[in-house]
Protein backbone atom coordinates (compact mmCIF):
# COMPACT_ATOMS: atom_id res chain seq x y z
CA MET A 1 10.07 -60.67 -7.40
CA LYS A 2 11.01 -58.61 -10.46
CA GLY A 3 13.26 -60.18 -13.01
CA TYR A 4 16.14 -57.75 -12.42
CA LYS A 5 16.36 -58.50 -8.69
CA ILE A 6 19.48 -60.36 -7.53
CA THR A 7 18.41 -63.80 -6.35
CA ASN A 8 21.60 -65.81 -6.45
CA PHE A 9 23.51 -67.08 -3.43
CA VAL A 10 25.93 -64.14 -3.26
CA ILE A 11 23.25 -61.60 -2.67
CA VAL A 12 21.26 -63.78 -0.35
CA VAL A 13 24.28 -64.00 1.92
CA LEU A 14 24.76 -60.20 1.71
CA VAL A 15 21.13 -59.65 2.68
CA ILE A 16 21.51 -61.92 5.66
CA ALA A 17 24.68 -60.10 6.74
CA ALA A 18 22.96 -56.73 6.31
CA VAL A 19 19.87 -57.67 8.30
CA TYR A 20 21.99 -59.30 11.00
CA GLN A 21 23.03 -55.96 12.51
CA THR A 22 20.55 -53.50 11.04
CA GLY A 23 19.30 -52.52 14.51
CA GLU A 24 22.73 -51.94 15.95
CA LEU A 25 25.12 -50.47 13.35
CA TRP A 26 25.54 -46.84 12.41
CA LEU A 27 28.01 -44.60 10.61
CA ALA A 28 29.73 -41.50 11.78
CA GLY A 29 33.00 -39.67 11.19
CA THR A 30 36.30 -41.53 11.85
CA THR A 31 40.00 -40.87 12.25
CA SER A 32 42.69 -42.07 9.88
CA HIS A 33 45.52 -44.49 10.53
CA ASN A 34 47.98 -46.46 8.49
CA PHE A 35 49.65 -49.70 9.31
CA PHE A 36 52.97 -49.43 7.67
CA ASN A 37 55.41 -46.61 7.07
CA GLY A 38 56.09 -45.55 10.67
CA ILE A 39 56.63 -49.07 11.90
CA MET A 40 58.63 -50.00 8.86
CA GLN A 41 61.08 -47.25 9.71
CA SER A 42 61.54 -48.43 13.30
CA ALA A 43 61.10 -52.17 12.88
CA SER A 44 63.51 -52.40 9.99
CA LYS A 45 66.35 -51.48 12.34
CA ALA A 46 65.61 -54.31 14.75
CA THR A 47 66.27 -58.04 14.51
CA VAL A 48 64.71 -61.12 15.95
CA GLY A 49 66.90 -64.22 16.09
CA GLY A 50 69.30 -62.66 13.65
CA GLN A 51 66.44 -61.92 11.11
CA ASN A 52 65.20 -58.51 10.02
CA SER A 53 62.01 -57.85 11.96
CA SER A 54 60.26 -55.80 9.29
CA VAL A 55 57.37 -58.08 8.28
CA ILE A 56 55.06 -55.31 7.13
CA LEU A 57 54.19 -54.41 3.57
CA PRO A 58 52.10 -51.51 2.35
CA VAL A 59 48.34 -51.92 2.53
CA ALA A 60 45.22 -50.23 1.20
CA ARG A 61 43.25 -50.45 4.42
CA TYR A 62 42.97 -52.49 7.57
CA ALA A 63 40.09 -53.57 9.75
CA VAL A 64 39.78 -54.28 13.44
CA GLY A 65 37.19 -56.96 14.41
CA ASN A 66 35.60 -56.96 17.86
CA GLY A 67 35.09 -60.74 17.86
CA GLY A 68 31.38 -60.45 17.12
CA SER A 69 29.74 -58.65 14.27
CA ALA A 70 31.23 -55.16 14.25
CA PHE A 71 34.35 -53.88 12.51
CA SER A 72 36.25 -50.63 12.21
CA VAL A 73 38.09 -49.88 8.90
CA TYR A 74 41.01 -47.46 8.57
CA TYR A 75 42.82 -45.93 5.63
CA SER A 76 46.14 -44.07 5.50
CA ASP A 77 47.14 -40.71 6.84
CA LYS A 78 49.06 -37.98 5.05
CA PHE A 79 52.35 -39.70 4.27
CA GLY A 80 51.65 -43.28 5.31
CA ASN A 81 52.88 -42.57 8.86
CA ASN A 82 51.30 -43.37 12.19
CA ASP A 83 52.30 -43.81 15.74
CA THR A 84 49.37 -45.75 17.20
CA ASP A 85 50.26 -48.41 19.78
CA ILE A 86 48.09 -51.08 18.19
CA LEU A 87 50.08 -51.01 14.97
CA LYS A 88 53.44 -51.13 16.64
CA ILE A 89 52.42 -54.10 18.78
CA ALA A 90 50.89 -55.83 15.70
CA ASN A 91 54.22 -55.61 13.96
CA ASP A 92 55.93 -57.19 16.97
CA THR A 93 53.36 -59.99 17.06
CA LEU A 94 53.65 -60.76 13.37
CA THR A 95 57.41 -60.78 13.74
CA GLU A 96 57.26 -63.27 16.62
CA ILE A 97 54.87 -65.55 14.75
CA LEU A 98 56.77 -65.53 11.50
CA TYR A 99 60.32 -65.60 12.86
CA THR A 100 60.45 -66.99 16.37
CA ASN A 101 59.84 -70.71 17.09
CA ILE A 102 58.11 -70.85 13.79
CA GLN A 103 55.94 -73.81 12.76
CA GLU A 104 55.68 -74.92 9.18
CA GLY A 105 52.89 -73.12 7.36
CA GLU A 106 49.78 -75.07 6.44
CA LYS A 107 48.06 -74.77 3.02
CA THR A 108 44.25 -74.62 3.46
CA PHE A 109 41.12 -72.64 2.66
CA ALA A 110 40.10 -69.51 4.49
CA ASP A 111 37.14 -69.99 6.79
CA TRP A 112 35.95 -66.40 7.19
CA LYS A 113 33.07 -67.33 9.40
CA ALA A 114 35.44 -68.83 11.91
CA MET A 115 38.10 -66.14 11.65
CA LEU A 116 35.75 -63.21 12.09
CA GLN A 117 34.30 -64.68 15.29
CA SER A 118 37.62 -63.88 16.97
CA ARG A 119 39.33 -60.62 17.78
CA SER A 120 41.16 -59.90 14.55
CA LEU A 121 43.27 -57.55 12.59
CA ILE A 122 42.70 -57.80 8.81
CA LEU A 123 45.12 -56.20 6.36
CA GLN A 124 43.66 -55.63 2.88
CA TYR A 125 45.49 -54.91 -0.37
CA ASP A 126 44.01 -53.46 -3.62
CA PHE A 127 46.60 -55.37 -5.65
CA ALA A 128 48.06 -58.88 -5.66
CA LEU A 129 51.24 -59.60 -3.80
CA ALA A 130 53.65 -62.32 -4.82
CA PRO A 131 54.94 -64.62 -2.06
CA SER A 132 58.44 -63.35 -2.85
CA ASP A 133 57.37 -59.89 -1.73
CA TYR A 134 56.91 -60.98 1.86
CA PRO A 135 59.90 -61.29 4.21
CA VAL A 136 58.87 -64.61 5.80
CA HIS A 137 61.48 -66.72 7.65
CA THR A 138 63.28 -69.10 5.27
CA LYS A 139 61.90 -72.11 7.13
CA SER A 140 58.30 -71.12 6.28
CA LYS A 141 58.96 -69.64 2.79
CA LYS A 142 58.15 -72.91 1.06
CA ALA A 143 54.59 -72.92 2.38
CA LEU A 144 53.85 -69.38 1.41
CA GLU A 145 55.17 -69.96 -2.09
CA THR A 146 52.43 -72.51 -2.66
CA LEU A 147 50.16 -69.48 -3.12
CA LYS A 148 50.23 -67.84 -6.51
CA ALA A 149 49.49 -64.56 -4.86
CA PHE A 150 47.71 -63.09 -1.85
CA ASP A 151 45.84 -59.87 -1.11
CA CYS A 152 44.81 -60.23 2.53
CA VAL A 153 46.58 -61.01 5.83
CA THR A 154 44.52 -61.77 8.88
CA LEU A 155 45.98 -61.85 12.38
CA LEU A 156 44.21 -63.55 15.25
CA PRO A 157 46.28 -62.86 18.41
CA ALA A 158 46.08 -65.06 21.52
CA ARG A 159 44.23 -63.60 24.49
CA HIS A 160 46.50 -65.22 27.12
CA PRO A 161 50.18 -66.21 27.20
CA GLY A 162 50.81 -69.68 25.91
CA GLU A 163 47.62 -69.78 23.83
CA GLU A 164 47.73 -70.07 20.02
CA SER A 165 48.01 -67.09 17.71
CA GLN A 166 47.33 -67.42 14.00
CA VAL A 167 48.23 -65.60 10.79
CA TYR A 168 46.46 -66.23 7.46
CA PHE A 169 47.84 -65.18 4.04
CA ILE A 170 44.78 -65.33 1.78
CA ASN A 171 44.13 -65.20 -1.96
CA SER A 172 40.61 -63.82 -2.22
CA ASP A 173 40.15 -64.99 -5.79
CA THR A 174 40.55 -68.68 -4.83
CA ASN A 175 40.02 -68.41 -1.07
CA GLU A 176 43.22 -70.44 -0.70
CA CYS A 177 45.47 -69.47 2.22
CA VAL A 178 48.55 -70.38 4.16
CA LEU A 179 48.11 -70.54 7.92
CA TYR A 180 50.91 -69.98 10.46
CA LYS A 181 50.45 -70.81 14.12
CA SER A 182 52.41 -70.01 17.29
CA ASN A 183 51.89 -70.26 21.00
CA LYS A 184 55.18 -68.47 21.79
CA SER A 185 54.22 -64.86 21.04
CA LYS A 186 54.82 -62.61 24.07
CA THR A 187 53.14 -59.60 22.49
CA ALA A 188 49.99 -61.33 21.25
CA PRO A 189 48.05 -60.73 24.50
CA LEU A 190 49.06 -57.11 24.37
CA LEU A 191 47.74 -56.84 20.86
CA TYR A 192 44.53 -58.59 21.89
CA GLU A 193 43.99 -55.96 24.59
CA GLN A 194 44.60 -53.21 22.06
CA LEU A 195 42.02 -54.70 19.81
CA VAL A 196 39.55 -54.56 22.63
CA ARG A 197 40.26 -50.89 23.20
CA GLN A 198 40.21 -49.95 19.51
CA GLU A 199 36.77 -48.66 18.86
CA GLY A 200 36.24 -46.55 15.74
CA ASP A 201 33.35 -44.23 15.13
CA MET A 202 32.52 -45.94 11.85
CA VAL A 203 31.08 -49.42 12.31
CA TYR A 204 31.00 -51.95 9.53
CA ILE A 205 29.51 -55.45 9.01
CA SER A 206 31.42 -58.07 7.07
CA THR A 207 30.21 -60.17 4.15
CA GLY A 208 32.13 -63.10 5.56
CA GLN A 209 30.19 -63.32 8.85
CA LYS A 210 27.64 -65.87 7.61
CA THR A 211 29.74 -67.92 5.26
CA THR A 212 33.09 -69.59 4.97
CA SER A 213 34.05 -67.57 1.90
CA SER A 214 34.67 -63.80 1.56
CA ILE A 215 31.82 -63.22 -0.94
CA LEU A 216 33.28 -59.94 -2.16
CA LYS A 217 36.73 -60.31 -3.65
CA ARG A 218 38.07 -56.89 -2.86
CA ASN A 219 36.03 -55.54 0.02
CA LEU A 220 34.99 -57.60 2.99
CA PHE A 221 33.51 -54.74 5.01
CA LEU A 222 30.50 -52.51 4.39
CA PRO A 223 28.84 -49.80 6.48
CA GLN A 224 25.20 -50.32 7.45
CA TRP A 225 22.74 -47.86 9.04
CA ALA A 226 19.92 -48.56 11.41
CA ASP A 227 17.97 -45.52 10.23
CA LEU A 228 17.92 -43.44 7.06
CA PRO A 229 18.59 -40.82 5.96
CA TYR A 230 22.08 -40.65 7.31
CA PHE A 231 23.51 -37.08 7.57
CA TYR A 232 27.12 -36.59 6.57
CA ALA A 233 29.47 -33.72 5.65
CA ALA A 234 30.21 -33.03 2.01
CA VAL A 235 33.82 -32.48 0.84
CA GLU A 236 35.13 -29.35 -0.93
CA GLU A 237 37.80 -29.50 -3.63
CA LYS A 238 40.33 -26.66 -3.30
CA PRO A 239 43.27 -26.16 -5.79
CA VAL A 240 46.36 -25.76 -3.64
CA PHE A 241 48.13 -23.18 -5.85
CA GLU A 242 45.19 -20.94 -6.71
CA GLN A 243 43.74 -17.87 -5.16
CA GLU A 244 40.77 -16.10 -6.81
CA ASN A 245 41.04 -18.46 -9.82
CA ALA A 246 44.67 -17.58 -10.51
CA VAL A 247 47.92 -19.33 -9.64
CA ASN A 248 49.68 -17.78 -6.65
CA ARG A 249 53.34 -17.89 -7.70
CA MET A 250 54.73 -17.44 -4.17
CA THR A 251 52.68 -20.40 -2.90
CA LEU A 252 53.88 -22.49 -5.84
CA GLU A 253 57.59 -21.54 -5.27
CA ASN A 254 57.36 -22.30 -1.51
CA SER A 255 55.80 -25.67 -2.31
CA VAL A 256 58.34 -26.92 -4.80
CA GLU A 257 61.38 -25.77 -2.82
CA GLY A 258 61.63 -29.11 -1.03
CA PHE A 259 62.33 -30.93 -4.33
CA PHE A 260 65.69 -29.10 -4.73
CA LYS A 261 68.89 -29.15 -2.73
CA ASN A 262 69.58 -25.45 -3.22
CA PHE A 263 66.37 -23.82 -4.53
CA SER A 264 66.42 -20.52 -6.28
CA ALA A 265 63.29 -18.74 -7.62
CA ASP A 266 65.47 -17.44 -10.47
CA TRP A 267 65.26 -20.91 -12.05
CA SER A 268 61.56 -20.52 -12.77
CA THR A 269 59.97 -19.83 -16.19
CA ARG A 270 56.52 -19.87 -17.65
CA ASP A 271 55.95 -20.94 -21.27
CA GLU A 272 53.28 -19.84 -23.73
CA SER A 273 50.86 -22.53 -22.62
CA GLY A 274 50.94 -21.22 -19.04
CA THR A 275 53.04 -24.09 -17.60
CA PHE A 276 55.31 -23.15 -14.68
CA GLU A 277 58.75 -24.74 -14.71
CA PHE A 278 61.54 -24.92 -12.06
CA SER A 279 64.80 -26.68 -12.87
CA ASP A 280 68.44 -27.15 -12.05
CA SER A 281 71.07 -29.49 -13.53
CA SER A 282 69.39 -32.69 -12.32
CA VAL A 283 65.72 -31.95 -11.50
CA ILE A 284 62.78 -30.30 -13.28
CA VAL A 285 59.50 -29.54 -11.62
CA LYS A 286 56.45 -28.48 -13.62
CA TYR A 287 52.98 -27.24 -12.75
CA TYR A 288 50.21 -27.48 -15.34
CA PRO A 289 47.46 -25.03 -14.35
CA ALA A 290 44.84 -26.31 -16.80
CA GLU A 291 45.13 -29.85 -15.43
CA ARG A 292 46.22 -28.85 -11.91
CA VAL A 293 49.01 -31.38 -12.04
CA LEU A 294 52.34 -30.98 -10.29
CA GLU A 295 55.17 -33.06 -11.89
CA TYR A 296 58.70 -33.82 -10.69
CA TYR A 297 61.36 -35.50 -12.89
CA SER A 298 64.97 -36.40 -12.06
CA TYR A 299 67.66 -36.71 -14.72
CA ASP A 300 69.96 -38.63 -12.38
CA THR A 301 71.14 -42.07 -13.47
CA TYR A 302 69.90 -44.85 -11.22
CA GLY A 303 70.90 -48.44 -10.62
CA THR A 304 70.22 -51.46 -12.81
CA GLU A 305 67.40 -53.90 -12.46
CA LYS A 306 69.47 -55.82 -9.81
CA ASP A 307 69.53 -52.65 -7.63
CA GLN A 308 65.78 -52.15 -7.74
CA ALA A 309 64.25 -51.50 -4.34
CA SER A 310 62.01 -54.21 -2.87
CA LEU A 311 58.24 -53.54 -2.63
CA SER A 312 58.47 -52.38 1.06
CA GLN A 313 61.63 -50.35 0.40
CA GLY A 314 60.05 -48.61 -2.55
CA TYR A 315 56.95 -47.88 -0.55
CA GLY A 316 59.07 -46.28 2.18
CA ILE A 317 61.00 -44.30 -0.43
CA SER A 318 57.69 -43.02 -1.87
CA CYS A 319 56.28 -42.01 1.51
CA ASN A 320 59.45 -40.21 2.43
CA PHE A 321 59.50 -38.40 -0.92
CA MET A 322 56.00 -37.09 -0.45
CA GLU A 323 57.21 -35.18 2.55
CA ASN A 324 59.10 -32.95 0.13
CA ASP A 325 55.79 -31.76 -1.32
CA ALA A 326 54.74 -28.90 0.95
CA SER A 327 51.46 -28.57 -0.94
CA LEU A 328 50.22 -32.08 -0.01
CA HIS A 329 47.69 -31.73 2.81
CA THR A 330 45.02 -34.35 2.14
CA ASP A 331 45.60 -37.96 3.49
CA VAL A 332 46.54 -40.61 0.89
CA TYR A 333 46.54 -44.39 0.72
CA LEU A 334 48.24 -46.92 -1.57
CA ALA A 335 45.75 -47.96 -4.31
CA ASP A 336 47.94 -49.91 -6.71
CA VAL A 337 51.48 -51.03 -7.62
CA ILE A 338 52.66 -51.31 -11.21
CA ARG A 339 55.89 -53.28 -11.68
CA ARG A 340 58.26 -53.05 -14.60
CA SER A 341 61.65 -54.59 -15.27
CA ASN A 342 63.67 -51.61 -13.96
CA GLU A 343 61.12 -49.55 -12.02
CA THR A 344 58.01 -49.68 -9.83
CA ILE A 345 55.11 -47.23 -9.86
CA TYR A 346 53.30 -46.63 -6.58
CA CYS A 347 49.78 -45.29 -7.11
CA PHE A 348 48.08 -43.37 -4.35
CA ASP A 349 44.54 -42.00 -3.97
CA TYR A 350 43.20 -39.43 -1.59
CA VAL A 351 41.15 -40.27 1.50
CA THR A 352 39.16 -37.88 3.71
CA ASP A 353 37.21 -38.55 6.85
CA ASN A 354 38.51 -42.09 6.50
CA LEU A 355 36.65 -42.66 3.19
CA PRO A 356 38.39 -42.89 -0.21
CA VAL A 357 38.07 -40.27 -2.94
CA TYR A 358 37.59 -41.70 -6.42
CA LEU A 359 38.41 -39.76 -9.59
CA SER A 360 35.81 -39.85 -12.39
CA ALA A 361 36.81 -41.20 -15.79
CA ASN A 362 36.80 -37.68 -17.17
CA MET A 363 39.10 -36.49 -14.39
CA GLN A 364 41.48 -39.40 -15.06
CA GLU A 365 41.59 -38.56 -18.72
CA LYS A 366 42.20 -34.93 -18.03
CA ILE A 367 45.16 -35.43 -15.70
CA GLY A 368 46.57 -38.47 -17.59
CA MET A 369 46.50 -40.73 -14.53
CA LYS A 370 44.13 -43.29 -13.12
CA HIS A 371 45.06 -42.21 -9.60
CA ALA A 372 45.66 -38.96 -7.84
CA ILE A 373 49.40 -39.60 -7.29
CA GLU A 374 51.86 -41.74 -9.18
CA ILE A 375 55.43 -42.15 -7.95
CA THR A 376 58.00 -43.97 -10.11
CA VAL A 377 60.84 -45.54 -8.14
CA ARG A 378 63.89 -46.60 -10.11
CA GLY A 379 66.74 -48.25 -8.27
CA GLN A 380 66.67 -46.76 -4.80
CA ALA A 381 65.23 -43.32 -5.57
CA VAL A 382 62.29 -41.47 -7.11
CA LYS A 383 62.54 -40.88 -10.83
CA LYS A 384 59.16 -39.30 -11.43
CA TYR A 385 56.36 -37.86 -9.29
CA ARG A 386 52.95 -36.72 -10.56
CA ARG A 387 50.10 -35.46 -8.39
CA LEU A 388 46.70 -33.84 -8.80
CA ALA A 389 47.41 -30.72 -6.78
CA VAL A 390 44.14 -30.19 -4.95
CA ASP A 391 42.99 -30.51 -1.39
CA TYR A 392 39.82 -32.29 -0.30
CA VAL A 393 38.45 -30.50 2.78
CA LEU A 394 35.61 -31.86 4.91
CA LYS A 395 32.84 -29.26 5.47
CA GLU A 396 31.92 -28.73 9.07
CA ASN A 397 28.15 -28.95 8.69
CA PRO A 398 26.86 -32.52 8.08
CA SER A 399 23.95 -31.44 5.93
CA GLU A 400 24.09 -34.03 3.08
CA LYS A 401 21.70 -36.98 3.19
CA LEU A 402 22.40 -40.63 2.35
CA HIS A 403 19.35 -42.73 1.56
CA VAL A 404 20.75 -45.91 -0.08
CA GLN A 405 22.00 -49.02 1.76
CA PHE A 406 24.63 -51.15 0.12
CA ILE A 407 22.12 -53.95 -0.65
CA ASP A 408 20.02 -51.42 -2.59
CA ALA A 409 23.14 -50.22 -4.46
CA LEU A 410 23.89 -53.79 -5.43
CA ASP A 411 20.34 -54.32 -6.66
CA GLU A 412 20.52 -51.13 -8.77
CA ALA A 413 23.90 -52.06 -10.21
CA ASN A 414 22.52 -55.45 -11.16
CA ARG A 415 19.50 -53.87 -12.89
CA ARG A 416 21.85 -51.68 -14.99
CA TYR A 417 24.04 -54.65 -15.79
CA GLN A 418 21.06 -56.53 -17.19
CA GLU A 419 19.94 -53.56 -19.22
CA GLN A 420 23.28 -52.18 -20.42
CA VAL A 421 25.58 -55.23 -20.71
CA GLU A 422 23.75 -58.58 -20.90
CA GLU A 423 21.06 -60.57 -19.24
CA ARG A 424 22.97 -62.75 -16.89
CA VAL A 425 22.62 -64.11 -13.39
CA VAL A 426 25.18 -62.18 -11.32
CA ARG A 427 27.07 -64.66 -9.16
CA ASP A 428 30.12 -62.62 -8.30
CA VAL A 429 30.41 -59.12 -6.90
CA GLU A 430 33.93 -57.96 -7.60
CA ASN A 431 33.74 -54.91 -5.38
CA ILE A 432 31.46 -52.44 -3.66
CA VAL A 433 32.70 -49.48 -1.65
CA LEU A 434 31.42 -46.20 -0.37
CA GLY A 435 33.43 -43.12 -1.22
CA TYR A 436 33.54 -39.51 -2.30
CA TYR A 437 33.18 -38.89 -6.07
CA ALA A 438 35.52 -36.35 -7.64
CA ASP A 439 34.33 -35.21 -11.06
CA GLY A 440 35.83 -31.73 -11.14
CA SER A 441 32.96 -30.07 -9.35
CA HIS A 442 33.57 -27.92 -6.24
CA LYS A 443 31.53 -30.12 -3.93
CA LEU A 444 31.94 -33.88 -3.50
CA SER A 445 29.22 -36.21 -2.19
CA LEU A 446 29.14 -39.89 -1.23
CA LYS A 447 28.48 -42.55 -3.88
CA TRP A 448 28.43 -46.33 -4.04
CA PHE A 449 31.02 -47.78 -6.45
CA VAL A 450 30.02 -51.26 -7.59
CA THR A 451 32.00 -53.59 -9.88
CA LEU A 452 30.25 -56.49 -11.55
CA TYR A 453 32.35 -58.63 -13.97
CA ASP A 454 34.78 -55.78 -14.71
CA HIS A 455 31.96 -53.32 -15.26
CA ASP A 456 31.83 -50.34 -12.93
CA PHE A 457 28.57 -48.71 -11.81
CA LEU A 458 28.18 -45.45 -9.93
CA ILE A 459 25.18 -45.44 -7.65
CA ASP A 460 23.79 -42.24 -6.21
CA THR A 461 23.12 -42.11 -2.43
CA ALA A 462 21.00 -38.98 -2.33
CA ALA A 463 17.64 -40.55 -3.19
CA SER A 464 15.79 -43.62 -1.91
CA THR A 465 15.53 -44.81 -5.55
CA ALA A 466 18.98 -44.62 -7.14
CA ASN A 467 18.56 -43.49 -10.69
CA GLU A 468 21.77 -41.82 -11.63
CA PRO A 469 23.04 -42.91 -15.09
CA LYS A 470 26.33 -44.73 -15.47
CA GLU A 471 29.22 -42.42 -16.13
């Protein structure tokens, strides 16, 4: 075996997981869902035992496990809304477990092998959550606070009434978790049945199937194909305000109207640099054609630090605000949260065909953001909104070819790490994910994005031997 090959325990486990279902798993197009905003709006109005029943926080993605070896993974839809039955029932089940006849939480370590052998719903976050963020019943708050932070919540609903349901709050860095149990949930069997019926077109394997630990810190689930090449549809990038390489002023005016109480096109100007500007006494909206960035800023005075919205409130405020942007057509998902003393920034990225769209480093530098959308919430309202104003449209003809499995992408990333960074045995894979790569070109194709010890590697999928240089 060549010296650059990955031979440590981490990759051995990944190989086993990959081989385990090679003959059965395949990848196709999927639909998009989101776990949070719609049920937050309805559940926040209800109470259970005098307690607020909103136990949901924003999430990057969620997975549905079939109790065996196959999983379906879902990202957000346009504004973080959804109306699927499985998500509404899941909120009710979580509420019952965390608020009704609650047992004291138990500090333990996550046994992924055991968890993933059951029908499951796994909520994943791309950022760390503090225990104080989660609205757990006071009786069980003490147990959750033993975790420094968590980034995953796994729900195992009971199949029959009276049987035990479980909820795990997990810190993927340490694999520590707090476990809550209940045999009093009335909705758990309903959720179980919904998990049985939930069958996505995209099927994943999990890196935790063959081991008690999660192996990958940020992504438990990876697609695997029985046969290659896999044919998929490319994505086209389309500027939302341009027609024939020029800004359509009418489209721009119609799109920004929702940001004003009483919009008037007479408020608009265009400066020497070509920037369009719309403003009244309290709001200014700009569009920068060179960067294709739409920017909203409010001059209103907001509350003090004590009045700052909670994480879930701010997420709801952000999702509701995006509905004012008539030019936003591509689905988005919450990718990060940046907290400051008097404001919180919610960072969203685009997702298409249920796969994330990642901006290249050059694109990030050009638009002045690491993510496609940044929403600054101060107090109980949006202070600033910035968005890369493009659509990502899936082409109808699946003519692109994917040749590289995730294990090959890991091997290539490891080879580059040894050559470009240092000779070191790679024992931790921070993250690996399949997504569309946006570098400013008209057509986007799928790439593997691999993170090893804080170093990112972009792996091409178009050839059996990945040889694309690091960006």
